[in-house]
Amino acid sequence: MTGTGTPLRVALVGYGLAGSVFHAPLIAAAEGLALDTVVTSNPERQQQARDAYPGVRVAVSPDELWKRAGELDLVVIASPNKTHVPIAAAALEAGLSVVVDKPIAGAAAEARELAALAEERGLLLSVFQNRRWDNDFLTLQKLIADGELGDVLRFESRFERWRPQLKGGWRESGDPQEIGGLLYDLGSHVVDQALTLFGPVALVYAEADVRRPGAEADDDTFIALTHVNGVRSHLYVSAVTAQLGPRFRVLGSKAGYVKHGLDPQESALREGELPSADGAWGTEPESLWGRVGAGESPLTGGGRPVPTLPGDYPAYYTGIAAALRDGTPPPVTALEAAAALDVLEAARRSADEGVAVEVSA
């Protein structure tokens, strides 16, 4: 717990896509946080950080942070997946609270070891699961809470793209140490959302394919979850979907909800837009609203349009600031991330062996 007063000083490790597009703008926009240091060994990215955030300090290696840990309050890790565990452990050992981009680790056991270290040191450890604050997900949560759908029977979630050409880099590497592929990338999002909505999972079945010529890691993956409460989640993540399906199709005992299109916050951040207080951030036009109905097709105007709630990625770092200052629970815990990794590990085994895999409670 940190006292009120001056902004909490944040060091950001990694200034690639995750660091520069997601974390840095949200940290800079969060009340009570200040982006103090960016860690990257790439000279071009160092200059980009200085241009975007005048006065920010630049470090070449995370080791430079541990030498002045007393000058910092939080380390955010947005470096390649394989570095998450060692850097997070080093930060905690140095007495610094930590936010890690998803996935926190390649194995649930590693995530739980980090959680135990953070608890032992009395430090915050959280995982950046920004898709909990997507506009469509927030809307779906409200529909379920309000009883609009009745008892949910099946949850279909698609995070699909059409990217037939490889981009290269560690995310497409087949080296297990890189923790690449869509199962652990976009799969981390859709599994976390399913667990947040419907709780723990009893059984997992998955299909993970490598479709693109020259690809090494899975780029077309399906995950079927049977939740302990009986809800079935069907989750699709793909880079080779020539015709995109609905983002959500949720079927309940009273009605269903169908929603197309992705939350606009990522595209806005990529364009350099910053979260604003004018009420426009995270909103979408009425033409993209989802529809709720029963026995009718939303493609032919069936059901009623449901206004999509504004997306709110800034809420994550607002919650982090509150947790550091007031000792409130972080918006996402490391143990929640470990539970998602239990599912992802079961999905990997299922895809490799062609069997359904039980998940221990």
Protein backbone atom coordinates (compact mmCIF):
# COMPACT_ATOMS: atom_id res chain seq x y z
CA MET A 1 0.00 0.00 0.00
CA THR A 2 1.35 3.42 -1.00
CA GLY A 3 0.29 6.73 0.45
CA THR A 4 -1.57 9.43 -1.43
CA GLY A 5 0.14 12.46 -2.92
CA THR A 6 2.56 12.40 -5.81
CA PRO A 7 1.85 10.13 -8.79
CA LEU A 8 3.08 6.56 -8.60
CA ARG A 9 6.18 6.08 -10.73
CA VAL A 10 5.93 3.39 -13.39
CA ALA A 11 8.65 1.66 -15.38
CA LEU A 12 7.54 0.00 -18.63
CA VAL A 13 9.65 -2.92 -19.85
CA GLY A 14 9.22 -3.38 -23.60
CA TYR A 15 8.19 -0.82 -26.21
CA GLY A 16 6.92 -2.96 -29.07
CA LEU A 17 3.25 -3.30 -29.96
CA ALA A 18 2.04 -4.06 -26.43
CA GLY A 19 4.21 -1.46 -24.73
CA SER A 20 3.81 1.44 -27.14
CA VAL A 21 0.18 0.96 -28.24
CA PHE A 22 -1.53 -0.37 -25.11
CA HIS A 23 0.42 0.18 -21.92
CA ALA A 24 2.25 3.49 -22.34
CA PRO A 25 -0.83 5.52 -23.41
CA LEU A 26 -3.04 4.00 -20.72
CA ILE A 27 -0.42 4.53 -18.00
CA ALA A 28 0.12 8.13 -19.11
CA ALA A 29 -3.62 8.79 -19.11
CA ALA A 30 -4.29 7.19 -15.71
CA GLU A 31 -4.83 9.57 -12.82
CA GLY A 32 -2.28 8.88 -10.10
CA LEU A 33 0.28 7.18 -12.36
CA ALA A 34 3.31 8.65 -14.12
CA LEU A 35 5.36 6.95 -16.84
CA ASP A 36 8.85 7.34 -15.41
CA THR A 37 11.01 4.94 -17.44
CA VAL A 38 10.78 2.95 -20.66
CA VAL A 39 13.09 -0.05 -21.02
CA THR A 40 14.11 -1.00 -24.56
CA SER A 41 17.48 -1.71 -26.17
CA ASN A 42 16.22 -0.60 -29.60
CA PRO A 43 17.52 2.93 -30.36
CA GLU A 44 14.61 3.72 -32.67
CA ARG A 45 12.07 2.73 -30.03
CA GLN A 46 13.99 4.70 -27.42
CA GLN A 47 13.58 7.82 -29.54
CA GLN A 48 9.91 7.05 -30.16
CA ALA A 49 9.35 6.88 -26.40
CA ARG A 50 11.17 10.18 -25.83
CA ASP A 51 9.15 11.86 -28.58
CA ALA A 52 5.84 10.56 -27.29
CA TYR A 53 6.54 11.21 -23.59
CA PRO A 54 8.91 14.15 -23.10
CA GLY A 55 10.96 13.76 -19.96
CA VAL A 56 10.61 9.98 -19.78
CA ARG A 57 13.79 8.18 -18.80
CA VAL A 58 15.11 5.38 -21.00
CA ALA A 59 16.92 2.23 -19.86
CA VAL A 60 18.53 -0.45 -21.99
CA SER A 61 17.95 -3.38 -19.62
CA PRO A 62 15.55 -4.21 -16.77
CA ASP A 63 18.63 -4.74 -14.59
CA GLU A 64 19.03 -0.94 -14.53
CA LEU A 65 15.68 -0.70 -12.73
CA TRP A 66 16.65 -2.94 -9.82
CA LYS A 67 19.56 -0.63 -9.00
CA ARG A 68 17.14 2.24 -8.37
CA ALA A 69 14.09 0.32 -7.22
CA GLY A 70 13.50 2.87 -4.47
CA GLU A 71 12.69 5.47 -7.13
CA LEU A 72 9.85 3.38 -8.62
CA ASP A 73 6.47 2.06 -7.49
CA LEU A 74 5.45 -0.31 -10.28
CA VAL A 75 7.02 -2.29 -13.12
CA VAL A 76 4.88 -3.13 -16.16
CA ILE A 77 6.20 -6.00 -18.27
CA ALA A 78 5.27 -5.83 -21.95
CA SER A 79 8.29 -7.66 -23.34
CA PRO A 80 8.18 -10.99 -25.28
CA ASN A 81 6.30 -13.80 -23.53
CA LYS A 82 9.35 -15.89 -22.66
CA THR A 83 10.75 -13.01 -20.56
CA HIS A 84 7.64 -12.48 -18.42
CA VAL A 85 8.47 -14.88 -15.60
CA PRO A 86 12.17 -14.01 -15.07
CA ILE A 87 11.59 -10.25 -15.23
CA ALA A 88 8.54 -10.41 -12.96
CA ALA A 89 10.44 -12.51 -10.43
CA ALA A 90 13.39 -10.09 -10.50
CA ALA A 91 11.07 -7.10 -10.01
CA LEU A 92 9.34 -8.74 -7.04
CA GLU A 93 12.69 -9.69 -5.53
CA ALA A 94 13.69 -6.03 -5.87
CA GLY A 95 10.61 -5.01 -3.88
CA LEU A 96 8.54 -3.68 -6.77
CA SER A 97 4.89 -4.34 -7.57
CA VAL A 98 4.29 -5.79 -11.02
CA VAL A 99 1.82 -5.79 -13.90
CA VAL A 100 2.47 -8.43 -16.57
CA ASP A 101 0.94 -8.48 -20.03
CA LYS A 102 -0.94 -11.67 -20.80
CA PRO A 103 -0.03 -14.49 -20.70
CA ILE A 104 1.79 -14.08 -17.41
CA ALA A 105 3.65 -17.35 -18.04
CA GLY A 106 3.70 -20.44 -20.19
CA ALA A 107 2.51 -22.69 -17.37
CA ALA A 108 0.03 -22.30 -14.54
CA ALA A 109 2.59 -23.54 -12.02
CA GLU A 110 4.91 -20.65 -12.89
CA ALA A 111 2.07 -18.16 -12.45
CA ARG A 112 1.27 -19.59 -9.02
CA GLU A 113 4.93 -19.42 -8.00
CA LEU A 114 4.98 -15.72 -8.91
CA ALA A 115 1.72 -15.18 -7.01
CA ALA A 116 3.25 -16.83 -3.93
CA LEU A 117 6.37 -14.66 -4.21
CA ALA A 118 4.26 -11.50 -4.48
CA GLU A 119 2.20 -12.50 -1.45
CA GLU A 120 5.34 -13.31 0.54
CA ARG A 121 6.75 -9.87 -0.28
CA GLY A 122 3.46 -8.05 0.26
CA LEU A 123 3.48 -6.73 -3.29
CA LEU A 124 0.86 -6.33 -6.01
CA LEU A 125 0.98 -8.75 -8.96
CA SER A 126 -1.61 -8.33 -11.68
CA VAL A 127 -2.09 -9.43 -15.28
CA PHE A 128 -3.20 -7.10 -18.07
CA GLN A 129 -6.39 -8.69 -19.41
CA ASN A 130 -7.73 -5.62 -21.17
CA ARG A 131 -10.46 -7.50 -23.03
CA ARG A 132 -12.50 -7.62 -19.83
CA TRP A 133 -13.16 -3.94 -20.63
CA ASP A 134 -14.18 -4.41 -24.27
CA ASN A 135 -17.44 -2.67 -25.08
CA ASP A 136 -19.22 -5.85 -26.18
CA PHE A 137 -18.03 -7.82 -23.15
CA LEU A 138 -19.24 -5.13 -20.73
CA THR A 139 -22.58 -5.11 -22.55
CA LEU A 140 -22.88 -8.90 -22.37
CA GLN A 141 -22.08 -8.89 -18.65
CA LYS A 142 -24.91 -6.42 -18.07
CA LEU A 143 -27.37 -8.42 -20.18
CA ILE A 144 -26.61 -11.55 -18.18
CA ALA A 145 -26.75 -9.74 -14.83
CA ASP A 146 -30.10 -8.17 -15.77
CA GLY A 147 -31.56 -11.55 -16.71
CA GLU A 148 -32.22 -10.52 -20.30
CA LEU A 149 -31.01 -13.85 -21.70
CA GLY A 150 -32.26 -16.13 -18.95
CA ASP A 151 -29.91 -18.98 -18.11
CA VAL A 152 -27.01 -18.97 -20.56
CA LEU A 153 -26.66 -22.34 -22.28
CA ARG A 154 -23.93 -21.71 -24.85
CA PHE A 155 -21.34 -18.96 -25.26
CA GLU A 156 -19.72 -18.57 -28.67
CA SER A 157 -16.79 -16.17 -28.87
CA ARG A 158 -14.73 -15.45 -31.98
CA PHE A 159 -11.52 -13.48 -32.26
CA GLU A 160 -10.88 -13.95 -35.96
CA ARG A 161 -8.67 -12.18 -38.48
CA TRP A 162 -7.75 -12.51 -42.14
CA ARG A 163 -3.96 -12.41 -42.22
CA PRO A 164 -2.89 -15.02 -44.79
CA GLN A 165 0.67 -13.66 -44.96
CA LEU A 166 3.09 -14.28 -42.10
CA LYS A 167 4.45 -11.25 -40.26
CA GLY A 168 7.37 -13.04 -38.63
CA GLY A 169 8.67 -12.53 -35.11
CA TRP A 170 8.47 -14.51 -31.90
CA ARG A 171 4.65 -14.63 -31.88
CA GLU A 172 4.73 -16.94 -34.91
CA SER A 173 7.69 -19.03 -33.72
CA GLY A 174 7.30 -22.74 -33.20
CA ASP A 175 9.88 -22.76 -30.40
CA PRO A 176 7.95 -23.72 -27.24
CA GLN A 177 10.14 -21.39 -25.18
CA GLU A 178 8.73 -18.40 -27.10
CA ILE A 179 5.14 -19.21 -26.00
CA GLY A 180 3.92 -18.16 -29.44
CA GLY A 181 0.84 -19.10 -31.44
CA LEU A 182 -2.76 -18.00 -31.16
CA LEU A 183 -3.70 -20.40 -28.36
CA TYR A 184 -1.65 -18.41 -25.86
CA ASP A 185 -2.11 -15.06 -27.62
CA LEU A 186 -5.75 -14.45 -28.51
CA GLY A 187 -6.70 -17.61 -26.64
CA SER A 188 -5.63 -15.94 -23.40
CA HIS A 189 -8.32 -13.31 -24.03
CA VAL A 190 -11.24 -15.54 -24.97
CA VAL A 191 -10.55 -18.06 -22.21
CA ASP A 192 -10.26 -15.29 -19.59
CA GLN A 193 -13.57 -13.83 -20.73
CA ALA A 194 -15.29 -17.22 -20.56
CA LEU A 195 -13.99 -17.88 -17.05
CA THR A 196 -14.97 -14.38 -15.92
CA LEU A 197 -18.52 -14.91 -17.16
CA PHE A 198 -19.17 -18.55 -16.29
CA GLY A 199 -16.60 -19.67 -13.75
CA PRO A 200 -14.33 -22.72 -13.57
CA VAL A 201 -14.05 -25.39 -16.24
CA ALA A 202 -14.40 -29.16 -15.87
CA LEU A 203 -13.57 -30.37 -19.41
CA VAL A 204 -11.59 -28.99 -22.36
CA TYR A 205 -11.46 -30.09 -25.98
CA ALA A 206 -9.34 -28.24 -28.55
CA GLU A 207 -8.17 -28.27 -32.15
CA ALA A 208 -5.01 -26.29 -32.96
CA ASP A 209 -3.90 -26.14 -36.60
CA VAL A 210 -1.05 -24.55 -38.53
CA ARG A 211 -2.64 -23.39 -41.77
CA ARG A 212 -0.36 -20.85 -43.45
CA PRO A 213 2.58 -22.00 -45.59
CA GLY A 214 5.80 -21.55 -43.64
CA ALA A 215 3.99 -21.04 -40.32
CA GLU A 216 5.38 -22.78 -37.23
CA ALA A 217 2.80 -21.97 -34.55
CA ASP A 218 -0.94 -22.53 -34.40
CA ASP A 219 -2.88 -19.93 -36.38
CA ASP A 220 -6.36 -21.51 -36.47
CA THR A 221 -7.58 -22.83 -33.13
CA PHE A 222 -10.87 -23.92 -31.58
CA ILE A 223 -11.48 -24.50 -27.86
CA ALA A 224 -14.58 -26.09 -26.36
CA LEU A 225 -15.10 -25.67 -22.62
CA THR A 226 -17.62 -27.36 -20.37
CA HIS A 227 -17.96 -25.17 -17.30
CA VAL A 228 -18.67 -26.67 -13.89
CA ASN A 229 -22.10 -24.96 -13.94
CA GLY A 230 -23.00 -26.66 -17.24
CA VAL A 231 -22.52 -23.73 -19.61
CA ARG A 232 -20.64 -24.63 -22.80
CA SER A 233 -18.20 -22.13 -24.29
CA HIS A 234 -17.07 -22.48 -27.90
CA LEU A 235 -14.08 -20.24 -28.56
CA TYR A 236 -12.47 -19.54 -31.93
CA VAL A 237 -9.17 -17.74 -32.58
CA SER A 238 -7.81 -17.57 -36.09
CA ALA A 239 -5.59 -15.64 -38.50
CA VAL A 240 -7.02 -17.34 -41.59
CA THR A 241 -10.74 -16.57 -41.44
CA ALA A 242 -11.78 -15.33 -44.89
CA GLN A 243 -15.31 -14.51 -43.68
CA LEU A 244 -15.54 -13.26 -40.10
CA GLY A 245 -18.24 -14.63 -37.84
CA PRO A 246 -19.98 -12.74 -35.03
CA ARG A 247 -17.75 -11.66 -32.18
CA PHE A 248 -20.32 -13.06 -29.73
CA ARG A 249 -23.27 -15.40 -30.13
CA VAL A 250 -24.73 -16.11 -26.71
CA LEU A 251 -27.75 -18.40 -26.37
CA GLY A 252 -29.91 -18.39 -23.26
CA SER A 253 -33.15 -19.95 -22.07
CA LYS A 254 -35.05 -16.70 -22.78
CA ALA A 255 -33.15 -15.01 -25.60
CA GLY A 256 -29.90 -14.80 -27.48
CA TYR A 257 -27.41 -11.99 -28.09
CA VAL A 258 -25.46 -11.62 -31.34
CA LYS A 259 -22.76 -8.99 -31.75
CA HIS A 260 -20.45 -8.37 -34.74
CA GLY A 261 -17.28 -6.29 -34.91
CA LEU A 262 -14.37 -5.64 -32.56
CA ASP A 263 -14.19 -3.11 -29.76
CA PRO A 264 -12.83 0.19 -31.20
CA GLN A 265 -10.28 0.94 -28.47
CA GLU A 266 -7.37 -0.98 -30.00
CA SER A 267 -7.74 0.72 -33.38
CA ALA A 268 -8.00 4.11 -31.66
CA LEU A 269 -4.82 3.48 -29.67
CA ARG A 270 -3.03 2.31 -32.82
CA GLU A 271 -4.01 5.61 -34.46
CA GLY A 272 -2.45 7.52 -31.58
CA GLU A 273 -5.70 8.57 -29.91
CA LEU A 274 -5.68 8.89 -26.13
CA PRO A 275 -8.49 8.14 -23.70
CA SER A 276 -10.62 11.23 -23.18
CA ALA A 277 -13.07 12.42 -20.58
CA ASP A 278 -15.61 13.69 -23.14
CA GLY A 279 -17.61 10.46 -23.13
CA ALA A 280 -16.61 9.48 -26.67
CA TRP A 281 -13.88 6.98 -25.76
CA GLY A 282 -14.76 3.37 -26.49
CA THR A 283 -18.10 4.16 -28.12
CA GLU A 284 -19.36 2.75 -31.40
CA PRO A 285 -22.10 3.74 -33.89
CA GLU A 286 -25.61 2.37 -33.61
CA SER A 287 -25.05 0.38 -36.81
CA LEU A 288 -22.69 -1.92 -34.87
CA TRP A 289 -24.94 -2.56 -31.90
CA GLY A 290 -25.75 -6.18 -31.15
CA ARG A 291 -29.28 -7.56 -31.08
CA VAL A 292 -31.24 -9.56 -28.51
CA GLY A 293 -34.10 -11.81 -29.55
CA ALA A 294 -35.54 -15.30 -29.75
CA GLY A 295 -36.45 -17.28 -32.86
CA GLU A 296 -35.39 -14.51 -35.25
CA SER A 297 -32.28 -13.82 -37.28
CA PRO A 298 -30.42 -10.60 -36.43
CA LEU A 299 -29.15 -10.55 -40.03
CA THR A 300 -32.68 -9.83 -41.23
CA GLY A 301 -33.47 -7.31 -38.52
CA GLY A 302 -34.80 -9.78 -35.99
CA GLY A 303 -34.60 -9.01 -32.30
CA ARG A 304 -34.07 -5.60 -30.77
CA PRO A 305 -30.89 -3.53 -30.98
CA VAL A 306 -29.04 -3.17 -27.69
CA PRO A 307 -26.87 -0.07 -27.18
CA THR A 308 -23.28 -1.14 -26.70
CA LEU A 309 -21.76 0.20 -23.50
CA PRO A 310 -18.56 2.21 -23.95
CA GLY A 311 -15.36 0.19 -23.73
CA ASP A 312 -13.10 1.19 -20.86
CA TYR A 313 -9.47 0.02 -21.04
CA PRO A 314 -8.46 2.95 -18.79
CA ALA A 315 -10.38 1.26 -15.95
CA TYR A 316 -7.62 -1.34 -15.65
CA TYR A 317 -4.90 1.13 -14.68
CA THR A 318 -7.35 3.13 -12.58
CA GLY A 319 -7.84 -0.08 -10.63
CA ILE A 320 -4.09 -0.66 -10.39
CA ALA A 321 -3.54 2.84 -8.99
CA ALA A 322 -6.29 2.27 -6.41
CA ALA A 323 -4.83 -1.10 -5.41
CA LEU A 324 -1.38 0.41 -4.87
CA ARG A 325 -2.68 3.39 -2.91
CA ASP A 326 -5.54 1.85 -0.94
CA GLY A 327 -4.73 -1.84 -0.80
CA THR A 328 -7.88 -2.83 -2.70
CA PRO A 329 -7.77 -6.01 -4.80
CA PRO A 330 -6.21 -5.56 -8.24
CA PRO A 331 -8.57 -5.66 -11.25
CA VAL A 332 -7.05 -8.99 -12.37
CA THR A 333 -5.17 -11.34 -10.06
CA ALA A 334 -2.30 -13.68 -10.84
CA LEU A 335 -4.34 -16.62 -9.58
CA GLU A 336 -7.11 -15.80 -12.05
CA ALA A 337 -4.46 -15.83 -14.78
CA ALA A 338 -3.19 -19.17 -13.48
CA ALA A 339 -6.70 -20.62 -13.77
CA ALA A 340 -6.81 -19.50 -17.40
CA LEU A 341 -3.42 -21.14 -17.97
CA ASP A 342 -4.80 -24.39 -16.53
CA VAL A 343 -7.35 -24.28 -19.36
CA LEU A 344 -4.79 -23.34 -22.01
CA GLU A 345 -2.49 -26.16 -20.94
CA ALA A 346 -5.40 -28.59 -21.10
CA ALA A 347 -6.28 -27.23 -24.55
CA ARG A 348 -2.72 -27.78 -25.77
CA ARG A 349 -2.77 -31.36 -24.52
CA SER A 350 -6.19 -31.94 -26.04
CA ALA A 351 -5.07 -30.66 -29.44
CA ASP A 352 -1.87 -32.70 -29.34
CA GLU A 353 -3.54 -35.95 -28.27
CA GLY A 354 -6.97 -35.58 -29.85
CA VAL A 355 -8.79 -36.16 -26.56
CA ALA A 356 -10.94 -34.20 -24.14
CA VAL A 357 -9.00 -33.24 -21.01
CA GLU A 358 -10.40 -32.87 -17.51
CA VAL A 359 -9.34 -29.79 -15.54
CA SER A 360 -8.79 -30.39 -11.85
CA ALA A 361 -10.51 -27.98 -9.48
